[in-house]
Each structure stands twice: as structure tokens, then as C-alpha cells.
């Protein structure tokens, strides 16, 4: 029997660290653990009591926003330097919750 997810996130850009398949667009998770990272294939983990989130969308005035501001573009870095990307700010529900000291 396949485990069922509590959360599925789709339309994302996920770096997998797997050279054979470096990018994925979806993940399934349950109890704080990843069940699968992939693309449309995570749909098989849907369960009756789960939340599905679309990572795509827009950021406009009046919307609640969760995002981070980084010191560089992680998509322009290779796998050897990706871990050196630093978070400068974190915003949750439209409010800044973290600001890195200069």
C-alpha cells in the first residue's frame, strides 16, 4: 500500500541534487517527511485528508505573501556552490520575520 500525503505542492521549481534528474515540479509529504519528489507522478500519493498547494501564482498588493530574499540567484549557481546561497530576508503572511545583519 502506498502512503498517502498530507501535503502536495505542485508547479514548484525544486532542485533535487540528483544529476540524472536535477529539477522537479512537485512534492508529496506526510508527517514532516518527503514521500516523493517528482512531477505529475506525485498525484498517486493523494489522500482523503490532504492539502494541495499550487506554488505558482502572483505577488500583488493585498495578497498574503511567504517568500525569501536571497543574496544571489540559486538557479544561476551550480550544485557545488548552491549551498553558499544566503537568505537576506524572510517574509511570512506579508510580514518580515527575519532580516540578516549586514
Protein backbone atom coordinates (compact mmCIF):
# COMPACT_ATOMS: atom_id res chain seq x y z
CA UNK A 1 0.00 0.00 0.00
CA UNK A 2 1.32 3.45 -0.93
CA UNK A 3 1.48 6.05 1.82
CA UNK A 4 -0.89 8.99 1.45
CA UNK A 5 0.26 12.60 1.59
CA UNK A 6 -0.87 15.30 3.98
CA UNK A 7 0.56 17.90 1.60
CA UNK A 8 1.21 18.07 -2.14
CA UNK A 9 2.94 21.09 -3.64
CA UNK A 10 2.83 21.42 -7.42
CA UNK A 11 4.03 23.94 -10.03
CA UNK A 12 7.21 24.44 -8.00
CA UNK A 13 10.86 24.55 -9.00
CA UNK A 14 12.64 22.01 -6.79
CA UNK A 15 16.37 21.27 -7.03
CA UNK A 16 16.74 17.54 -6.38
CA UNK A 17 20.56 17.19 -6.10
CA UNK A 18 20.25 14.19 -8.44
CA UNK A 19 22.41 14.78 -11.56
CA UNK A 20 20.17 12.45 -13.59
CA UNK A 21 17.04 14.48 -12.74
CA UNK A 22 18.19 17.82 -11.30
CA UNK A 23 14.78 19.57 -11.25
CA UNK A 24 11.26 18.56 -10.26
CA UNK A 25 7.96 20.43 -10.16
CA UNK A 26 6.09 18.71 -7.32
CA UNK A 27 6.47 17.01 -3.97
CA UNK A 28 4.33 14.95 -1.61
CA UNK A 29 4.87 14.97 2.17
CA UNK A 30 3.37 13.47 5.30
CA UNK A 31 4.25 13.78 8.99
CA UNK A 32 7.06 16.19 8.11
CA UNK A 33 8.76 13.74 5.75
CA UNK A 34 9.01 13.69 1.98
CA UNK A 35 7.18 10.82 0.35
CA UNK A 36 8.06 11.74 -3.23
CA UNK A 37 9.68 14.44 -5.33
CA UNK A 38 8.82 14.40 -8.99
CA UNK A 39 6.34 15.84 -11.42
CA UNK A 40 2.81 14.63 -12.19
CA UNK A 41 3.70 11.26 -10.62
CA UNK A 42 3.19 12.59 -7.06
CA UNK A 43 -0.58 12.60 -7.71
CA UNK A 44 -0.57 8.92 -6.73
CA UNK A 45 0.05 9.99 -3.12
CA UNK A 46 -3.20 11.98 -2.81
CA UNK A 47 -5.13 11.12 0.31
CA UNK A 48 -8.59 11.94 1.66
CA UNK A 49 -7.32 14.45 4.27
CA UNK A 50 -4.65 16.40 2.45
CA UNK A 51 -3.83 19.92 1.39
CA UNK A 52 -2.73 20.65 -2.15
CA UNK A 53 -0.86 23.88 -2.80
CA UNK A 54 0.00 25.48 -6.11
CA UNK A 55 3.42 27.12 -5.87
CA UNK A 56 2.65 29.20 -8.96
CA UNK A 57 0.81 32.45 -8.71
CA UNK A 58 1.39 36.12 -8.32
CA UNK A 59 2.56 38.61 -5.73
CA UNK A 60 0.38 41.70 -5.72
CA UNK A 61 -0.73 44.26 -3.10
CA UNK A 62 -3.32 42.86 -0.71
CA UNK A 63 -2.23 39.22 -1.02
CA UNK A 64 -0.62 37.32 1.84
CA UNK A 65 2.99 36.61 0.90
CA UNK A 66 5.51 34.00 2.04
CA UNK A 67 8.90 34.41 0.38
CA UNK A 68 12.63 34.83 0.93
CA UNK A 69 15.11 37.31 -0.49
CA UNK A 70 18.45 35.71 -1.34
CA UNK A 71 21.91 37.16 -1.94
CA UNK A 72 22.10 35.56 -5.40
CA UNK A 73 20.05 33.69 -7.97
CA UNK A 74 20.07 30.00 -6.93
CA UNK A 75 19.07 28.95 -10.47
CA UNK A 76 22.27 30.53 -11.82
CA UNK A 77 24.52 28.59 -9.43
CA UNK A 78 25.87 25.10 -9.96
CA UNK A 79 25.38 22.28 -7.45
CA UNK A 80 28.83 22.90 -5.94
CA UNK A 81 28.04 26.48 -4.87
CA UNK A 82 24.28 26.31 -4.30
CA UNK A 83 24.67 25.72 -0.56
CA UNK A 84 26.51 29.06 -0.26
CA UNK A 85 23.34 30.98 -1.14
CA UNK A 86 22.41 33.14 1.88
CA UNK A 87 18.96 34.23 2.99
CA UNK A 88 18.84 38.00 3.49
CA UNK A 89 15.16 38.35 4.46
CA UNK A 90 12.23 36.03 5.17
CA UNK A 91 8.62 37.21 4.84
CA UNK A 92 5.65 35.25 6.20
CA UNK A 93 1.98 36.23 5.81
CA UNK A 94 3.06 39.60 4.44
CA UNK A 95 5.35 40.49 7.38
CA UNK A 96 9.15 40.36 7.57
CA UNK A 97 10.12 37.77 10.18
CA UNK A 98 13.89 37.65 9.52
CA UNK A 99 16.49 40.25 8.48
CA UNK A 100 20.13 39.23 8.22
CA UNK A 101 22.50 41.67 9.89
CA UNK A 102 24.84 43.44 7.46
